Amino acid sequence: MRWVPFVLVAVVAVLIQATLMRLARFGDAFPDLLVALLATFSLGVAPAEAFIAGAVLGLGRDLFSVGPFGLCTGVFAVVGWAASRRRPGTLGGHFLTRAAFAFGCSAATSLALAVPEVVSGNGLAAGLLARRTFLTAVSAAAIAAVVGGLVWHKARWFGLRGRSEFAGVG
């Protein structure tokens, strides 16, 4: 993986997430471009690279988050690593695979990021938390299906060495 293009993509994604995605409500939740990118990249790189990619995307989320600094970095890194270890290999390029992985990554990150709020007593009601987690996961899955197609077809733009690297990890 080439890190300079990936970091540039991550910076642009963080800026889009912090500005434009806040305007796109999906029920009670907001679409999560960063988790969609995390899931997409986790399908195409080795676990160590997915860990670093998750940490970079999580750090970007931490910069615009009101939660404890470093929480998103850690959660995204672990989710990226775990998703990369479970990737399906040759089916990684299929839009349904990307959507399913993004759904799982989004649900995992949403629930992990809600734990400190619940423990401190400032958390949302269980029903609202479940609804927001589900809606965020569905929107992340839809974004990953679309954005992942762009990453799959233009791998070099996103810091991957080539389509063969992205397709051949397995």
C-alpha atoms as a PDB file:
ATOM      1  CA  MET A   1       0.000   0.000   0.000  1.00  0.00           C
ATOM      2  CA  ARG A   2       1.245   3.480  -0.823  1.00  0.00           C
ATOM      3  CA  TRP A   3       0.555   5.645   2.186  1.00  0.00           C
ATOM      4  CA  VAL A   4       0.762   9.191   0.771  1.00  0.00           C
ATOM      5  CA  PRO A   5      -2.247   8.767  -1.583  1.00  0.00           C
ATOM      6  CA  PHE A   6      -4.144   6.911   1.134  1.00  0.00           C
ATOM      7  CA  VAL A   7      -3.557   9.691   3.674  1.00  0.00           C
ATOM      8  CA  LEU A   8      -4.730  12.273   1.118  1.00  0.00           C
ATOM      9  CA  VAL A   9      -7.870  10.218   0.493  1.00  0.00           C
ATOM     10  CA  ALA A  10      -8.376   9.895   4.256  1.00  0.00           C
ATOM     11  CA  VAL A  11      -8.057  13.674   4.759  1.00  0.00           C
ATOM     12  CA  VAL A  12     -10.592  14.357   2.011  1.00  0.00           C
ATOM     13  CA  ALA A  13     -12.926  11.707   3.453  1.00  0.00           C
ATOM     14  CA  VAL A  14     -12.664  13.213   6.945  1.00  0.00           C
ATOM     15  CA  LEU A  15     -13.488  16.655   5.593  1.00  0.00           C
ATOM     16  CA  ILE A  16     -16.463  15.290   3.651  1.00  0.00           C
ATOM     17  CA  GLN A  17     -17.639  13.378   6.731  1.00  0.00           C
ATOM     18  CA  ALA A  18     -17.332  16.444   8.954  1.00  0.00           C
ATOM     19  CA  THR A  19     -19.157  18.744   6.536  1.00  0.00           C
ATOM     20  CA  LEU A  20     -21.308  17.241   3.793  1.00  0.00           C
ATOM     21  CA  MET A  21     -22.304  13.992   5.483  1.00  0.00           C
ATOM     22  CA  ARG A  22     -23.805  15.971   8.359  1.00  0.00           C
ATOM     23  CA  LEU A  23     -26.297  17.367   5.869  1.00  0.00           C
ATOM     24  CA  ALA A  24     -27.387  13.915   4.705  1.00  0.00           C
ATOM     25  CA  ARG A  25     -29.630  12.521   7.418  1.00  0.00           C
ATOM     26  CA  PHE A  26     -30.795   8.947   7.150  1.00  0.00           C
ATOM     27  CA  GLY A  27     -33.622   8.733   9.636  1.00  0.00           C
ATOM     28  CA  ASP A  28     -32.069   9.377  13.056  1.00  0.00           C
ATOM     29  CA  ALA A  29     -28.535   8.727  11.837  1.00  0.00           C
ATOM     30  CA  PHE A  30     -25.882  10.099   9.521  1.00  0.00           C
ATOM     31  CA  PRO A  31     -24.108   8.149   6.770  1.00  0.00           C
ATOM     32  CA  ASP A  32     -20.577   7.141   7.740  1.00  0.00           C
ATOM     33  CA  LEU A  33     -18.105   7.528   4.882  1.00  0.00           C
ATOM     34  CA  LEU A  34     -15.117   6.736   7.103  1.00  0.00           C
ATOM     35  CA  VAL A  35     -16.451   3.327   8.106  1.00  0.00           C
ATOM     36  CA  ALA A  36     -17.319   2.602   4.469  1.00  0.00           C
ATOM     37  CA  LEU A  37     -13.717   3.367   3.487  1.00  0.00           C
ATOM     38  CA  LEU A  38     -12.421   1.325   6.412  1.00  0.00           C
ATOM     39  CA  ALA A  39     -14.434  -1.703   5.303  1.00  0.00           C
ATOM     40  CA  THR A  40     -13.418  -1.262   1.669  1.00  0.00           C
ATOM     41  CA  PHE A  41      -9.720  -1.003   2.433  1.00  0.00           C
ATOM     42  CA  SER A  42      -9.862  -3.835   4.962  1.00  0.00           C
ATOM     43  CA  LEU A  43     -11.044  -6.128   2.190  1.00  0.00           C
ATOM     44  CA  GLY A  44      -8.025  -5.323   0.051  1.00  0.00           C
ATOM     45  CA  VAL A  45      -4.976  -5.126   2.285  1.00  0.00           C
ATOM     46  CA  ALA A  46      -3.122  -7.248   4.819  1.00  0.00           C
ATOM     47  CA  PRO A  47      -4.239  -7.089   8.472  1.00  0.00           C
ATOM     48  CA  ALA A  48      -1.283  -4.904   9.546  1.00  0.00           C
ATOM     49  CA  GLU A  49      -2.046  -2.384   6.784  1.00  0.00           C
ATOM     50  CA  ALA A  50      -5.749  -2.456   7.665  1.00  0.00           C
ATOM     51  CA  PHE A  51      -4.822  -1.727  11.284  1.00  0.00           C
ATOM     52  CA  ILE A  52      -2.830   1.347  10.221  1.00  0.00           C
ATOM     53  CA  ALA A  53      -5.519   2.468   7.757  1.00  0.00           C
ATOM     54  CA  GLY A  54      -8.121   2.151  10.503  1.00  0.00           C
ATOM     55  CA  ALA A  55      -5.951   4.141  12.895  1.00  0.00           C
ATOM     56  CA  VAL A  56      -5.542   6.928  10.306  1.00  0.00           C
ATOM     57  CA  LEU A  57      -9.280   7.076   9.599  1.00  0.00           C
ATOM     58  CA  GLY A  58     -10.069   6.874  13.322  1.00  0.00           C
ATOM     59  CA  LEU A  59      -7.635   9.689  14.078  1.00  0.00           C
ATOM     60  CA  GLY A  60      -9.456  11.802  11.529  1.00  0.00           C
ATOM     61  CA  ARG A  61     -12.744  10.977  13.247  1.00  0.00           C
ATOM     62  CA  ASP A  62     -11.220  11.835  16.640  1.00  0.00           C
ATOM     63  CA  LEU A  63     -10.279  15.297  15.418  1.00  0.00           C
ATOM     64  CA  PHE A  64     -13.963  16.155  14.908  1.00  0.00           C
ATOM     65  CA  SER A  65     -15.429  14.050  17.717  1.00  0.00           C
ATOM     66  CA  VAL A  66     -16.596  15.184  21.131  1.00  0.00           C
ATOM     67  CA  GLY A  67     -15.753  11.841  22.714  1.00  0.00           C
ATOM     68  CA  PRO A  68     -12.503  10.890  24.407  1.00  0.00           C
ATOM     69  CA  PHE A  69      -9.567  11.549  22.097  1.00  0.00           C
ATOM     70  CA  GLY A  70      -8.053   8.317  20.814  1.00  0.00           C
ATOM     71  CA  LEU A  71     -11.166   6.202  21.227  1.00  0.00           C
ATOM     72  CA  CYS A  72     -12.069   6.270  17.527  1.00  0.00           C
ATOM     73  CA  THR A  73      -8.435   5.673  16.588  1.00  0.00           C
ATOM     74  CA  GLY A  74      -8.318   2.511  18.650  1.00  0.00           C
ATOM     75  CA  VAL A  75     -11.743   1.231  17.657  1.00  0.00           C
ATOM     76  CA  PHE A  76     -11.194   1.843  13.934  1.00  0.00           C
ATOM     77  CA  ALA A  77      -7.738   0.206  14.064  1.00  0.00           C
ATOM     78  CA  VAL A  78      -9.059  -2.928  15.760  1.00  0.00           C
ATOM     79  CA  VAL A  79     -12.118  -3.149  13.493  1.00  0.00           C
ATOM     80  CA  GLY A  80      -9.922  -2.717  10.390  1.00  0.00           C
ATOM     81  CA  TRP A  81      -7.567  -5.439  11.570  1.00  0.00           C
ATOM     82  CA  ALA A  82     -10.400  -7.815  12.435  1.00  0.00           C
ATOM     83  CA  ALA A  83     -12.233  -7.211   9.156  1.00  0.00           C
ATOM     84  CA  SER A  84      -9.055  -7.768   7.173  1.00  0.00           C
ATOM     85  CA  ARG A  85      -8.488 -11.102   8.881  1.00  0.00           C
ATOM     86  CA  ARG A  86     -12.005 -12.222   7.871  1.00  0.00           C
ATOM     87  CA  ARG A  87     -11.974 -11.034   4.250  1.00  0.00           C
ATOM     88  CA  PRO A  88     -13.399 -13.441   1.685  1.00  0.00           C
ATOM     89  CA  GLY A  89     -10.492 -13.223  -0.796  1.00  0.00           C
ATOM     90  CA  THR A  90     -11.733 -13.415  -4.372  1.00  0.00           C
ATOM     91  CA  LEU A  91     -15.230 -12.146  -3.516  1.00  0.00           C
ATOM     92  CA  GLY A  92     -13.817  -8.913  -2.053  1.00  0.00           C
ATOM     93  CA  GLY A  93     -14.623  -7.003  -5.227  1.00  0.00           C
ATOM     94  CA  HIS A  94     -18.321  -7.805  -5.234  1.00  0.00           C
ATOM     95  CA  PHE A  95     -20.538  -4.936  -4.121  1.00  0.00           C
ATOM     96  CA  LEU A  96     -22.586  -7.153  -1.793  1.00  0.00           C
ATOM     97  CA  THR A  97     -19.408  -8.289  -0.022  1.00  0.00           C
ATOM     98  CA  ARG A  98     -18.338  -4.678   0.487  1.00  0.00           C
ATOM     99  CA  ALA A  99     -21.816  -3.783   1.716  1.00  0.00           C
ATOM    100  CA  ALA A 100     -21.918  -6.700   4.166  1.00  0.00           C
ATOM    101  CA  PHE A 101     -18.472  -5.891   5.538  1.00  0.00           C
ATOM    102  CA  ALA A 102     -19.365  -2.205   5.876  1.00  0.00           C
ATOM    103  CA  PHE A 103     -22.576  -3.127   7.694  1.00  0.00           C
ATOM    104  CA  GLY A 104     -20.619  -5.251  10.166  1.00  0.00           C
ATOM    105  CA  CYS A 105     -17.844  -2.689  10.611  1.00  0.00           C
ATOM    106  CA  SER A 106     -20.355   0.097  11.150  1.00  0.00           C
ATOM    107  CA  ALA A 107     -22.349  -1.859  13.715  1.00  0.00           C
ATOM    108  CA  ALA A 108     -19.157  -2.820  15.556  1.00  0.00           C
ATOM    109  CA  THR A 109     -17.783   0.721  15.626  1.00  0.00           C
ATOM    110  CA  SER A 110     -21.126   2.245  16.634  1.00  0.00           C
ATOM    111  CA  LEU A 111     -21.570  -0.156  19.529  1.00  0.00           C
ATOM    112  CA  ALA A 112     -17.937   0.132  20.657  1.00  0.00           C
ATOM    113  CA  LEU A 113     -18.104   3.932  20.602  1.00  0.00           C
ATOM    114  CA  ALA A 114     -21.378   3.876  22.567  1.00  0.00           C
ATOM    115  CA  VAL A 115     -19.927   1.851  25.447  1.00  0.00           C
ATOM    116  CA  PRO A 116     -18.196   4.792  27.206  1.00  0.00           C
ATOM    117  CA  GLU A 117     -21.368   6.849  26.953  1.00  0.00           C
ATOM    118  CA  VAL A 118     -23.500   4.084  28.410  1.00  0.00           C
ATOM    119  CA  VAL A 119     -21.022   3.389  31.208  1.00  0.00           C
ATOM    120  CA  SER A 120     -20.872   7.067  32.162  1.00  0.00           C
ATOM    121  CA  GLY A 121     -24.665   7.268  32.258  1.00  0.00           C
ATOM    122  CA  ASN A 122     -24.895   9.739  29.367  1.00  0.00           C
ATOM    123  CA  GLY A 123     -25.863   7.152  26.770  1.00  0.00           C
ATOM    124  CA  LEU A 124     -28.908   7.035  24.560  1.00  0.00           C
ATOM    125  CA  ALA A 125     -31.930   4.907  25.295  1.00  0.00           C
ATOM    126  CA  ALA A 126     -31.481   1.344  24.074  1.00  0.00           C
ATOM    127  CA  GLY A 127     -34.150   1.641  21.370  1.00  0.00           C
ATOM    128  CA  LEU A 128     -32.723   4.865  19.947  1.00  0.00           C
ATOM    129  CA  LEU A 129     -29.194   3.460  20.073  1.00  0.00           C
ATOM    130  CA  ALA A 130     -30.282   0.313  18.227  1.00  0.00           C
ATOM    131  CA  ARG A 131     -32.164   2.317  15.591  1.00  0.00           C
ATOM    132  CA  ARG A 132     -29.255   4.706  15.008  1.00  0.00           C
ATOM    133  CA  THR A 133     -26.768   1.843  14.857  1.00  0.00           C
ATOM    134  CA  PHE A 134     -28.896   0.010  12.304  1.00  0.00           C
ATOM    135  CA  LEU A 135     -29.513   3.089  10.140  1.00  0.00           C
ATOM    136  CA  THR A 136     -25.850   4.089  10.227  1.00  0.00           C
ATOM    137  CA  ALA A 137     -24.841   0.545   9.283  1.00  0.00           C
ATOM    138  CA  VAL A 138     -27.300   0.453   6.379  1.00  0.00           C
ATOM    139  CA  SER A 139     -26.079   3.811   5.069  1.00  0.00           C
ATOM    140  CA  ALA A 140     -22.415   2.761   5.457  1.00  0.00           C
ATOM    141  CA  ALA A 141     -23.193  -0.425   3.531  1.00  0.00           C
ATOM    142  CA  ALA A 142     -24.747   1.564   0.694  1.00  0.00           C
ATOM    143  CA  ILE A 143     -21.793   3.955   0.575  1.00  0.00           C
ATOM    144  CA  ALA A 144     -19.281   1.085   0.649  1.00  0.00           C
ATOM    145  CA  ALA A 145     -21.040  -0.646  -2.239  1.00  0.00           C
ATOM    146  CA  VAL A 146     -20.671   2.491  -4.379  1.00  0.00           C
ATOM    147  CA  VAL A 147     -17.356   3.937  -3.160  1.00  0.00           C
ATOM    148  CA  GLY A 148     -15.810   0.481  -3.006  1.00  0.00           C
ATOM    149  CA  GLY A 149     -16.491   0.087  -6.722  1.00  0.00           C
ATOM    150  CA  LEU A 150     -14.445   3.201  -7.390  1.00  0.00           C
ATOM    151  CA  VAL A 151     -11.631   1.907  -5.182  1.00  0.00           C
ATOM    152  CA  TRP A 152     -11.791  -1.467  -6.919  1.00  0.00           C
ATOM    153  CA  HIS A 153     -11.525   0.029 -10.406  1.00  0.00           C
ATOM    154  CA  LYS A 154      -9.093   2.876  -9.640  1.00  0.00           C
ATOM    155  CA  ALA A 155      -6.929   1.238  -6.977  1.00  0.00           C
ATOM    156  CA  ARG A 156      -3.873   3.430  -7.615  1.00  0.00           C
ATOM    157  CA  TRP A 157      -5.826   6.601  -6.854  1.00  0.00           C
ATOM    158  CA  PHE A 158      -6.435   5.329  -3.354  1.00  0.00           C
ATOM    159  CA  GLY A 159      -2.929   4.227  -2.472  1.00  0.00           C
ATOM    160  CA  LEU A 160      -3.179   0.596  -3.462  1.00  0.00           C
ATOM    161  CA  ARG A 161      -0.375  -0.577  -5.736  1.00  0.00           C
ATOM    162  CA  GLY A 162      -2.743  -1.947  -8.300  1.00  0.00           C
ATOM    163  CA  ARG A 163      -5.837  -3.951  -8.890  1.00  0.00           C
ATOM    164  CA  SER A 164      -3.900  -7.175  -8.565  1.00  0.00           C
ATOM    165  CA  GLU A 165      -2.896  -6.284  -4.983  1.00  0.00           C
ATOM    166  CA  PHE A 166      -6.468  -5.464  -4.077  1.00  0.00           C
ATOM    167  CA  ALA A 167      -7.922  -8.543  -5.765  1.00  0.00           C
ATOM    168  CA  GLY A 168      -5.182 -10.957  -4.770  1.00  0.00           C
ATOM    169  CA  VAL A 169      -5.209 -10.565  -1.021  1.00  0.00           C
ATOM    170  CA  GLY A 170      -6.732 -13.654   0.434  1.00  0.00           C
END
